[in-house]
Amino acid sequence: MAAKPKKPAKGKKAKYWSGEVTLKSAALDLEGGVFALDDPKDIAESLRRSAEESKRRKAGPFQSAMSMLNFYINRAGKNLPARRKKILEQAKVELRRLYGRE
């Protein structure tokens, strides 16, 4: 018998914290739909713009952008189709290229 999901405390919404982080990151203000783009270069460039424009990030722009990309990939887990994961992994390569860290 499978365990029943826990109910949220009274007055709280039942949401995943990872979705909240992706939408309202304190480190970066992401452009809408960045992770849904089909071109790895476009994803990398969007993350770079977001990281470089952010005044709230604690780390450098490269680390902030790469961290957000890794966070998204890790949180999607098994639900991420192979095609999408391949695009996002290629975006990592492009991000490294943009920052001269090949």
PDB file of N, CA and C in Angstrom:
ATOM      1  N   MET A   1       0.840  -1.187   0.000  1.00  0.00           N
ATOM      2  CA  MET A   1       0.000   0.000   0.000  1.00  0.00           C
ATOM      3  C   MET A   1       0.882   1.246   0.000  1.00  0.00           C
ATOM      4  N   ALA A   2       0.621   2.148  -0.910  1.00  0.00           N
ATOM      5  CA  ALA A   2       1.416   3.370  -1.035  1.00  0.00           C
ATOM      6  C   ALA A   2       1.065   4.342   0.087  1.00  0.00           C
ATOM      7  N   ALA A   3       2.067   5.106   0.508  1.00  0.00           N
ATOM      8  CA  ALA A   3       1.848   6.100   1.547  1.00  0.00           C
ATOM      9  C   ALA A   3       1.023   7.252   0.993  1.00  0.00           C
ATOM     10  N   LYS A   4       0.143   7.783   1.816  1.00  0.00           N
ATOM     11  CA  LYS A   4      -0.677   8.921   1.400  1.00  0.00           C
ATOM     12  C   LYS A   4       0.176  10.184   1.432  1.00  0.00           C
ATOM     13  N   PRO A   5      -0.041  11.064   0.465  1.00  0.00           N
ATOM     14  CA  PRO A   5       0.708  12.323   0.493  1.00  0.00           C
ATOM     15  C   PRO A   5       0.301  13.151   1.698  1.00  0.00           C
ATOM     16  N   LYS A   6       1.251  13.877   2.247  1.00  0.00           N
ATOM     17  CA  LYS A   6       0.952  14.720   3.399  1.00  0.00           C
ATOM     18  C   LYS A   6       0.104  15.900   2.967  1.00  0.00           C
ATOM     19  N   LYS A   7      -0.827  16.260   3.801  1.00  0.00           N
ATOM     20  CA  LYS A   7      -1.659  17.426   3.524  1.00  0.00           C
ATOM     21  C   LYS A   7      -0.918  18.662   4.026  1.00  0.00           C
ATOM     22  N   PRO A   8      -1.067  19.782   3.319  1.00  0.00           N
ATOM     23  CA  PRO A   8      -0.405  21.001   3.770  1.00  0.00           C
ATOM     24  C   PRO A   8      -1.025  21.499   5.076  1.00  0.00           C
ATOM     25  N   ALA A   9      -0.240  22.221   5.851  1.00  0.00           N
ATOM     26  CA  ALA A   9      -0.745  22.796   7.095  1.00  0.00           C
ATOM     27  C   ALA A   9      -1.872  23.767   6.759  1.00  0.00           C
ATOM     28  N   LYS A  10      -2.751  23.955   7.698  1.00  0.00           N
ATOM     29  CA  LYS A  10      -3.901  24.815   7.477  1.00  0.00           C
ATOM     30  C   LYS A  10      -3.458  26.209   7.034  1.00  0.00           C
ATOM     31  N   GLY A  11      -4.047  26.683   5.947  1.00  0.00           N
ATOM     32  CA  GLY A  11      -3.743  28.011   5.432  1.00  0.00           C
ATOM     33  C   GLY A  11      -2.564  28.062   4.475  1.00  0.00           C
ATOM     34  N   LYS A  12      -1.908  26.950   4.240  1.00  0.00           N
ATOM     35  CA  LYS A  12      -0.770  26.925   3.320  1.00  0.00           C
ATOM     36  C   LYS A  12      -1.166  26.242   2.023  1.00  0.00           C
ATOM     37  N   LYS A  13      -0.521  26.653   0.948  1.00  0.00           N
ATOM     38  CA  LYS A  13      -0.782  26.055  -0.348  1.00  0.00           C
ATOM     39  C   LYS A  13       0.071  24.810  -0.524  1.00  0.00           C
ATOM     40  N   ALA A  14      -0.447  23.830  -1.239  1.00  0.00           N
ATOM     41  CA  ALA A  14       0.308  22.623  -1.542  1.00  0.00           C
ATOM     42  C   ALA A  14       1.099  22.868  -2.826  1.00  0.00           C
ATOM     43  N   LYS A  15       2.335  23.316  -2.700  1.00  0.00           N
ATOM     44  CA  LYS A  15       3.186  23.601  -3.849  1.00  0.00           C
ATOM     45  C   LYS A  15       4.548  22.977  -3.612  1.00  0.00           C
ATOM     46  N   TYR A  16       5.233  22.749  -4.724  1.00  0.00           N
ATOM     47  CA  TYR A  16       6.606  22.295  -4.617  1.00  0.00           C
ATOM     48  C   TYR A  16       7.507  23.503  -4.450  1.00  0.00           C
ATOM     49  N   TRP A  17       8.433  23.430  -3.517  1.00  0.00           N
ATOM     50  CA  TRP A  17       9.326  24.559  -3.292  1.00  0.00           C
ATOM     51  C   TRP A  17      10.192  24.835  -4.507  1.00  0.00           C
ATOM     52  N   SER A  18      10.511  23.795  -5.274  1.00  0.00           N
ATOM     53  CA  SER A  18      11.385  23.986  -6.434  1.00  0.00           C
ATOM     54  C   SER A  18      10.712  24.832  -7.517  1.00  0.00           C
ATOM     55  N   GLY A  19       9.428  24.680  -7.679  1.00  0.00           N
ATOM     56  CA  GLY A  19       8.703  25.504  -8.641  1.00  0.00           C
ATOM     57  C   GLY A  19       8.707  26.960  -8.229  1.00  0.00           C
ATOM     58  N   GLU A  20       8.594  27.193  -6.952  1.00  0.00           N
ATOM     59  CA  GLU A  20       8.628  28.544  -6.418  1.00  0.00           C
ATOM     60  C   GLU A  20       9.997  29.184  -6.660  1.00  0.00           C
ATOM     61  N   VAL A  21      11.060  28.411  -6.458  1.00  0.00           N
ATOM     62  CA  VAL A  21      12.414  28.917  -6.686  1.00  0.00           C
ATOM     63  C   VAL A  21      12.611  29.282  -8.153  1.00  0.00           C
ATOM     64  N   THR A  22      12.139  28.423  -9.044  1.00  0.00           N
ATOM     65  CA  THR A  22      12.298  28.691 -10.471  1.00  0.00           C
ATOM     66  C   THR A  22      11.575  29.980 -10.863  1.00  0.00           C
ATOM     67  N   LEU A  23      10.415  30.216 -10.295  1.00  0.00           N
ATOM     68  CA  LEU A  23       9.644  31.405 -10.639  1.00  0.00           C
ATOM     69  C   LEU A  23      10.124  32.670  -9.932  1.00  0.00           C
ATOM     70  N   LYS A  24      10.532  32.527  -8.680  1.00  0.00           N
ATOM     71  CA  LYS A  24      10.850  33.692  -7.867  1.00  0.00           C
ATOM     72  C   LYS A  24      12.232  33.601  -7.241  1.00  0.00           C
ATOM     73  N   SER A  25      13.212  33.256  -8.027  1.00  0.00           N
ATOM     74  CA  SER A  25      14.571  33.135  -7.522  1.00  0.00           C
ATOM     75  C   SER A  25      15.071  34.460  -6.962  1.00  0.00           C
ATOM     76  N   ALA A  26      15.724  34.399  -5.820  1.00  0.00           N
ATOM     77  CA  ALA A  26      16.325  35.597  -5.248  1.00  0.00           C
ATOM     78  C   ALA A  26      17.641  35.913  -5.944  1.00  0.00           C
ATOM     79  N   ALA A  27      18.130  34.986  -6.738  1.00  0.00           N
ATOM     80  CA  ALA A  27      19.413  35.179  -7.406  1.00  0.00           C
ATOM     81  C   ALA A  27      19.247  35.772  -8.795  1.00  0.00           C
ATOM     82  N   LEU A  28      18.248  35.347  -9.517  1.00  0.00           N
ATOM     83  CA  LEU A  28      18.074  35.791 -10.895  1.00  0.00           C
ATOM     84  C   LEU A  28      16.612  36.058 -11.207  1.00  0.00           C
ATOM     85  N   ASP A  29      16.378  37.064 -12.010  1.00  0.00           N
ATOM     86  CA  ASP A  29      15.047  37.278 -12.583  1.00  0.00           C
ATOM     87  C   ASP A  29      15.099  36.671 -13.971  1.00  0.00           C
ATOM     88  N   LEU A  30      14.552  35.485 -14.112  1.00  0.00           N
ATOM     89  CA  LEU A  30      14.615  34.768 -15.390  1.00  0.00           C
ATOM     90  C   LEU A  30      13.609  35.316 -16.384  1.00  0.00           C
ATOM     91  N   GLU A  31      13.984  35.281 -17.643  1.00  0.00           N
ATOM     92  CA  GLU A  31      13.054  35.650 -18.699  1.00  0.00           C
ATOM     93  C   GLU A  31      12.018  34.531 -18.805  1.00  0.00           C
ATOM     94  N   GLY A  32      10.791  34.875 -19.076  1.00  0.00           N
ATOM     95  CA  GLY A  32       9.716  33.900 -19.167  1.00  0.00           C
ATOM     96  C   GLY A  32       9.985  32.826 -20.216  1.00  0.00           C
ATOM     97  N   GLY A  33       9.768  31.581 -19.857  1.00  0.00           N
ATOM     98  CA  GLY A  33       9.886  30.469 -20.783  1.00  0.00           C
ATOM     99  C   GLY A  33      11.304  30.127 -21.207  1.00  0.00           C
ATOM    100  N   VAL A  34      12.285  30.582 -20.460  1.00  0.00           N
ATOM    101  CA  VAL A  34      13.680  30.342 -20.852  1.00  0.00           C
ATOM    102  C   VAL A  34      13.996  28.852 -20.990  1.00  0.00           C
ATOM    103  N   PHE A  35      13.466  28.027 -20.114  1.00  0.00           N
ATOM    104  CA  PHE A  35      13.784  26.598 -20.152  1.00  0.00           C
ATOM    105  C   PHE A  35      12.962  25.841 -21.189  1.00  0.00           C
ATOM    106  N   ALA A  36      12.019  26.512 -21.814  1.00  0.00           N
ATOM    107  CA  ALA A  36      11.201  25.880 -22.854  1.00  0.00           C
ATOM    108  C   ALA A  36      11.736  26.175 -24.259  1.00  0.00           C
ATOM    109  N   LEU A  37      12.749  27.023 -24.355  1.00  0.00           N
ATOM    110  CA  LEU A  37      13.317  27.344 -25.663  1.00  0.00           C
ATOM    111  C   LEU A  37      13.942  26.100 -26.283  1.00  0.00           C
ATOM    112  N   ASP A  38      13.945  26.036 -27.606  1.00  0.00           N
ATOM    113  CA  ASP A  38      14.475  24.861 -28.299  1.00  0.00           C
ATOM    114  C   ASP A  38      15.930  24.994 -28.728  1.00  0.00           C
ATOM    115  N   ASP A  39      16.473  26.197 -28.696  1.00  0.00           N
ATOM    116  CA  ASP A  39      17.855  26.412 -29.116  1.00  0.00           C
ATOM    117  C   ASP A  39      18.738  26.585 -27.874  1.00  0.00           C
ATOM    118  N   PRO A  40      19.731  25.697 -27.687  1.00  0.00           N
ATOM    119  CA  PRO A  40      20.617  25.804 -26.521  1.00  0.00           C
ATOM    120  C   PRO A  40      21.322  27.166 -26.431  1.00  0.00           C
ATOM    121  N   LYS A  41      21.643  27.756 -27.578  1.00  0.00           N
ATOM    122  CA  LYS A  41      22.300  29.070 -27.575  1.00  0.00           C
ATOM    123  C   LYS A  41      21.370  30.134 -27.008  1.00  0.00           C
ATOM    124  N   ASP A  42      20.093  30.060 -27.364  1.00  0.00           N
ATOM    125  CA  ASP A  42      19.117  31.024 -26.848  1.00  0.00           C
ATOM    126  C   ASP A  42      18.953  30.885 -25.337  1.00  0.00           C
ATOM    127  N   ILE A  43      18.936  29.658 -24.859  1.00  0.00           N
ATOM    128  CA  ILE A  43      18.818  29.413 -23.411  1.00  0.00           C
ATOM    129  C   ILE A  43      20.031  29.999 -22.702  1.00  0.00           C
ATOM    130  N   ALA A  44      21.228  29.698 -23.204  1.00  0.00           N
ATOM    131  CA  ALA A  44      22.463  30.182 -22.589  1.00  0.00           C
ATOM    132  C   ALA A  44      22.526  31.707 -22.599  1.00  0.00           C
ATOM    133  N   GLU A  45      22.155  32.323 -23.706  1.00  0.00           N
ATOM    134  CA  GLU A  45      22.198  33.782 -23.802  1.00  0.00           C
ATOM    135  C   GLU A  45      21.187  34.431 -22.853  1.00  0.00           C
ATOM    136  N   SER A  46      20.015  33.823 -22.717  1.00  0.00           N
ATOM    137  CA  SER A  46      19.010  34.348 -21.801  1.00  0.00           C
ATOM    138  C   SER A  46      19.498  34.258 -20.358  1.00  0.00           C
ATOM    139  N   LEU A  47      20.074  33.111 -19.994  1.00  0.00           N
ATOM    140  CA  LEU A  47      20.602  32.952 -18.639  1.00  0.00           C
ATOM    141  C   LEU A  47      21.742  33.933 -18.384  1.00  0.00           C
ATOM    142  N   ARG A  48      22.573  34.144 -19.393  1.00  0.00           N
ATOM    143  CA  ARG A  48      23.683  35.086 -19.245  1.00  0.00           C
ATOM    144  C   ARG A  48      23.147  36.496 -19.008  1.00  0.00           C
ATOM    145  N   ARG A  49      22.180  36.913 -19.805  1.00  0.00           N
ATOM    146  CA  ARG A  49      21.587  38.248 -19.615  1.00  0.00           C
ATOM    147  C   ARG A  49      21.007  38.389 -18.209  1.00  0.00           C
ATOM    148  N   SER A  50      20.264  37.383 -17.787  1.00  0.00           N
ATOM    149  CA  SER A  50      19.642  37.429 -16.463  1.00  0.00           C
ATOM    150  C   SER A  50      20.690  37.524 -15.362  1.00  0.00           C
ATOM    151  N   ALA A  51      21.746  36.735 -15.486  1.00  0.00           N
ATOM    152  CA  ALA A  51      22.788  36.713 -14.459  1.00  0.00           C
ATOM    153  C   ALA A  51      23.561  38.029 -14.413  1.00  0.00           C
ATOM    154  N   GLU A  52      23.849  38.587 -15.571  1.00  0.00           N
ATOM    155  CA  GLU A  52      24.636  39.816 -15.600  1.00  0.00           C
ATOM    156  C   GLU A  52      23.822  41.040 -15.188  1.00  0.00           C
ATOM    157  N   GLU A  53      22.516  41.003 -15.397  1.00  0.00           N
ATOM    158  CA  GLU A  53      21.660  42.128 -15.014  1.00  0.00           C
ATOM    159  C   GLU A  53      21.234  42.077 -13.553  1.00  0.00           C
ATOM    160  N   SER A  54      21.355  40.918 -12.929  1.00  0.00           N
ATOM    161  CA  SER A  54      20.890  40.746 -11.557  1.00  0.00           C
ATOM    162  C   SER A  54      21.759  41.521 -10.571  1.00  0.00           C
ATOM    163  N   LYS A  55      21.108  42.212  -9.666  1.00  0.00           N
ATOM    164  CA  LYS A  55      21.807  42.947  -8.602  1.00  0.00           C
ATOM    165  C   LYS A  55      21.768  42.154  -7.287  1.00  0.00           C
ATOM    166  N   ARG A  56      21.026  41.049  -7.296  1.00  0.00           N
ATOM    167  CA  ARG A  56      20.822  40.304  -6.047  1.00  0.00           C
ATOM    168  C   ARG A  56      21.647  39.033  -5.940  1.00  0.00           C
ATOM    169  N   ARG A  57      22.365  38.674  -6.990  1.00  0.00           N
ATOM    170  CA  ARG A  57      23.085  37.405  -6.952  1.00  0.00           C
ATOM    171  C   ARG A  57      24.241  37.477  -5.967  1.00  0.00           C
ATOM    172  N   LYS A  58      24.545  36.324  -5.373  1.00  0.00           N
ATOM    173  CA  LYS A  58      25.615  36.258  -4.376  1.00  0.00           C
ATOM    174  C   LYS A  58      26.926  35.805  -5.002  1.00  0.00           C
ATOM    175  N   ALA A  59      26.857  35.068  -6.095  1.00  0.00           N
ATOM    176  CA  ALA A  59      28.050  34.571  -6.776  1.00  0.00           C
ATOM    177  C   ALA A  59      28.246  35.345  -8.074  1.00  0.00           C
ATOM    178  N   GLY A  60      29.254  34.972  -8.833  1.00  0.00           N
ATOM    179  CA  GLY A  60      29.497  35.606 -10.119  1.00  0.00           C
ATOM    180  C   GLY A  60      28.413  35.232 -11.114  1.00  0.00           C
ATOM    181  N   PRO A  61      28.347  35.953 -12.245  1.00  0.00           N
ATOM    182  CA  PRO A  61      27.287  35.689 -13.212  1.00  0.00           C
ATOM    183  C   PRO A  61      27.342  34.283 -13.802  1.00  0.00           C
ATOM    184  N   PHE A  62      28.547  33.782 -14.106  1.00  0.00           N
ATOM    185  CA  PHE A  62      28.642  32.434 -14.677  1.00  0.00           C
ATOM    186  C   PHE A  62      28.105  31.398 -13.700  1.00  0.00           C
ATOM    187  N   GLN A  63      28.556  31.471 -12.462  1.00  0.00           N
ATOM    188  CA  GLN A  63      28.120  30.490 -11.466  1.00  0.00           C
ATOM    189  C   GLN A  63      26.613  30.580 -11.221  1.00  0.00           C
ATOM    190  N   SER A  64      26.076  31.774 -11.177  1.00  0.00           N
ATOM    191  CA  SER A  64      24.637  31.940 -10.954  1.00  0.00           C
ATOM    192  C   SER A  64      23.824  31.347 -12.098  1.00  0.00           C
ATOM    193  N   ALA A  65      24.246  31.626 -13.329  1.00  0.00           N
ATOM    194  CA  ALA A  65      23.533  31.108 -14.501  1.00  0.00           C
ATOM    195  C   ALA A  65      23.615  29.584 -14.565  1.00  0.00           C
ATOM    196  N   MET A  66      24.808  29.038 -14.348  1.00  0.00           N
ATOM    197  CA  MET A  66      24.991  27.584 -14.403  1.00  0.00           C
ATOM    198  C   MET A  66      24.224  26.902 -13.268  1.00  0.00           C
ATOM    199  N   SER A  67      24.221  27.514 -12.113  1.00  0.00           N
ATOM    200  CA  SER A  67      23.496  26.938 -10.971  1.00  0.00           C
ATOM    201  C   SER A  67      22.003  26.861 -11.249  1.00  0.00           C
ATOM    202  N   MET A  68      21.454  27.912 -11.848  1.00  0.00           N
ATOM    203  CA  MET A  68      20.023  27.907 -12.145  1.00  0.00           C
ATOM    204  C   MET A  68      19.689  26.845 -13.182  1.00  0.00           C
ATOM    205  N   LEU A  69      20.551  26.682 -14.178  1.00  0.00           N
ATOM    206  CA  LEU A  69      20.339  25.664 -15.207  1.00  0.00           C
ATOM    207  C   LEU A  69      20.417  24.264 -14.595  1.00  0.00           C
ATOM    208  N   ASN A  70      21.426  24.017 -13.778  1.00  0.00           N
ATOM    209  CA  ASN A  70      21.550  22.714 -13.105  1.00  0.00           C
ATOM    210  C   ASN A  70      20.376  22.455 -12.168  1.00  0.00           C
ATOM    211  N   PHE A  71      19.947  23.482 -11.470  1.00  0.00           N
ATOM    212  CA  PHE A  71      18.816  23.352 -10.562  1.00  0.00           C
ATOM    213  C   PHE A  71      17.578  22.890 -11.325  1.00  0.00           C
ATOM    214  N   TYR A  72      17.324  23.523 -12.460  1.00  0.00           N
ATOM    215  CA  TYR A  72      16.154  23.155 -13.258  1.00  0.00           C
ATOM    216  C   TYR A  72      16.249  21.711 -13.745  1.00  0.00           C
ATOM    217  N   ILE A  73      17.407  21.326 -14.250  1.00  0.00           N
ATOM    218  CA  ILE A  73      17.597  19.950 -14.742  1.00  0.00           C
ATOM    219  C   ILE A  73      17.404  18.947 -13.611  1.00  0.00           C
ATOM    220  N   ASN A  74      17.990  19.217 -12.468  1.00  0.00           N
ATOM    221  CA  ASN A  74      17.901  18.288 -11.326  1.00  0.00           C
ATOM    222  C   ASN A  74      16.484  18.188 -10.784  1.00  0.00           C
ATOM    223  N   ARG A  75      15.765  19.307 -10.725  1.00  0.00           N
ATOM    224  CA  ARG A  75      14.410  19.277 -10.177  1.00  0.00           C
ATOM    225  C   ARG A  75      13.442  18.587 -11.123  1.00  0.00           C
ATOM    226  N   ALA A  76      13.677  18.680 -12.414  1.00  0.00           N
ATOM    227  CA  ALA A  76      12.792  18.019 -13.379  1.00  0.00           C
ATOM    228  C   ALA A  76      12.938  16.508 -13.291  1.00  0.00           C
ATOM    229  N   GLY A  77      14.136  16.038 -13.017  1.00  0.00           N
ATOM    230  CA  GLY A  77      14.386  14.621 -12.792  1.00  0.00           C
ATOM    231  C   GLY A  77      13.870  13.708 -13.881  1.00  0.00           C
ATOM    232  N   LYS A  78      13.165  12.672 -13.467  1.00  0.00           N
ATOM    233  CA  LYS A  78      12.655  11.657 -14.395  1.00  0.00           C
ATOM    234  C   LYS A  78      11.574  12.198 -15.330  1.00  0.00           C
ATOM    235  N   ASN A  79      10.982  13.306 -14.961  1.00  0.00           N
ATOM    236  CA  ASN A  79       9.910  13.878 -15.778  1.00  0.00           C
ATOM    237  C   ASN A  79      10.422  14.648 -16.990  1.00  0.00           C
ATOM    238  N   LEU A  80      11.717  14.829 -17.072  1.00  0.00           N
ATOM    239  CA  LEU A  80      12.310  15.577 -18.179  1.00  0.00           C
ATOM    240  C   LEU A  80      12.550  14.631 -19.353  1.00  0.00           C
ATOM    241  N   PRO A  81      11.888  14.855 -20.485  1.00  0.00           N
ATOM    242  CA  PRO A  81      12.092  13.987 -21.647  1.00  0.00           C
ATOM    243  C   PRO A  81      13.546  14.037 -22.119  1.00  0.00           C
ATOM    244  N   ALA A  82      14.014  12.956 -22.720  1.00  0.00           N
ATOM    245  CA  ALA A  82      15.402  12.860 -23.166  1.00  0.00           C
ATOM    246  C   ALA A  82      15.765  13.988 -24.132  1.00  0.00           C
ATOM    247  N   ARG A  83      14.852  14.327 -25.032  1.00  0.00           N
ATOM    248  CA  ARG A  83      15.120  15.395 -26.002  1.00  0.00           C
ATOM    249  C   ARG A  83      15.342  16.725 -25.293  1.00  0.00           C
ATOM    250  N   ARG A  84      14.496  17.031 -24.307  1.00  0.00           N
ATOM    251  CA  ARG A  84      14.610  18.290 -23.558  1.00  0.00           C
ATOM    252  C   ARG A  84      15.904  18.308 -22.748  1.00  0.00           C
ATOM    253  N   LYS A  85      16.223  17.174 -22.119  1.00  0.00           N
ATOM    254  CA  LYS A  85      17.449  17.111 -21.315  1.00  0.00           C
ATOM    255  C   LYS A  85      18.675  17.333 -22.195  1.00  0.00           C
ATOM    256  N   LYS A  86      18.658  16.777 -23.397  1.00  0.00           N
ATOM    257  CA  LYS A  86      19.780  16.950 -24.317  1.00  0.00           C
ATOM    258  C   LYS A  86      19.953  18.429 -24.665  1.00  0.00           C
ATOM    259  N   ILE A  87      18.858  19.121 -24.922  1.00  0.00           N
ATOM    260  CA  ILE A  87      18.911  20.551 -25.229  1.00  0.00           C
ATOM    261  C   ILE A  87      19.484  21.329 -24.047  1.00  0.00           C
ATOM    262  N   LEU A  88      19.035  21.008 -22.844  1.00  0.00           N
ATOM    263  CA  LEU A  88      19.513  21.716 -21.657  1.00  0.00           C
ATOM    264  C   LEU A  88      20.979  21.417 -21.366  1.00  0.00           C
ATOM    265  N   GLU A  89      21.409  20.187 -21.609  1.00  0.00           N
ATOM    266  CA  GLU A  89      22.822  19.839 -21.438  1.00  0.00           C
ATOM    267  C   GLU A  89      23.674  20.592 -22.466  1.00  0.00           C
ATOM    268  N   GLN A  90      23.163  20.757 -23.671  1.00  0.00           N
ATOM    269  CA  GLN A  90      23.883  21.526 -24.688  1.00  0.00           C
ATOM    270  C   GLN A  90      23.932  23.009 -24.291  1.00  0.00           C
ATOM    271  N   ALA A  91      22.913  23.468 -23.601  1.00  0.00           N
ATOM    272  CA  ALA A  91      22.906  24.858 -23.123  1.00  0.00           C
ATOM    273  C   ALA A  91      24.030  25.083 -22.121  1.00  0.00           C
ATOM    274  N   LYS A  92      24.370  24.078 -21.338  1.00  0.00           N
ATOM    275  CA  LYS A  92      25.507  24.180 -20.410  1.00  0.00           C
ATOM    276  C   LYS A  92      26.801  24.420 -21.189  1.00  0.00           C
ATOM    277  N   VAL A  93      26.976  23.655 -22.269  1.00  0.00           N
ATOM    278  CA  VAL A  93      28.165  23.803 -23.108  1.00  0.00           C
ATOM    279  C   VAL A  93      28.216  25.220 -23.680  1.00  0.00           C
ATOM    280  N   GLU A  94      27.075  25.708 -24.159  1.00  0.00           N
ATOM    281  CA  GLU A  94      27.002  27.054 -24.731  1.00  0.00           C
ATOM    282  C   GLU A  94      27.293  28.122 -23.673  1.00  0.00           C
ATOM    283  N   LEU A  95      26.798  27.910 -22.463  1.00  0.00           N
ATOM    284  CA  LEU A  95      27.032  28.865 -21.383  1.00  0.00           C
ATOM    285  C   LEU A  95      28.526  28.931 -21.056  1.00  0.00           C
ATOM    286  N   ARG A  96      29.172  27.773 -21.000  1.00  0.00           N
ATOM    287  CA  ARG A  96      30.624  27.744 -20.773  1.00  0.00           C
ATOM    288  C   ARG A  96      31.352  28.487 -21.894  1.00  0.00           C
ATOM    289  N   ARG A  97      30.897  28.281 -23.136  1.00  0.00           N
ATOM    290  CA  ARG A  97      31.513  28.937 -24.283  1.00  0.00           C
ATOM    291  C   ARG A  97      31.358  30.464 -24.187  1.00  0.00           C
ATOM    292  N   LEU A  98      30.155  30.923 -23.816  1.00  0.00           N
ATOM    293  CA  LEU A  98      29.903  32.354 -23.692  1.00  0.00           C
ATOM    294  C   LEU A  98      30.815  33.027 -22.661  1.00  0.00           C
ATOM    295  N   TYR A  99      31.171  32.286 -21.627  1.00  0.00           N
ATOM    296  CA  TYR A  99      32.024  32.824 -20.573  1.00  0.00           C
ATOM    297  C   TYR A  99      33.491  32.443 -20.737  1.00  0.00           C
ATOM    298  N   GLY A 100      33.824  31.833 -21.876  1.00  0.00           N
ATOM    299  CA  GLY A 100      35.213  31.464 -22.140  1.00  0.00           C
ATOM    300  C   GLY A 100      35.742  30.399 -21.197  1.00  0.00           C
ATOM    301  N   ARG A 101      34.889  29.490 -20.804  1.00  0.00           N
ATOM    302  CA  ARG A 101      35.286  28.411 -19.870  1.00  0.00           C
ATOM    303  C   ARG A 101      35.135  27.055 -20.516  1.00  0.00           C
ATOM    304  N   GLU A 102      35.554  26.960 -21.742  1.00  0.00           N
ATOM    305  CA  GLU A 102      35.386  25.727 -22.526  1.00  0.00           C
ATOM    306  C   GLU A 102      36.238  24.619 -22.015  1.00  0.00           C
TER     307      GLU A 102
END
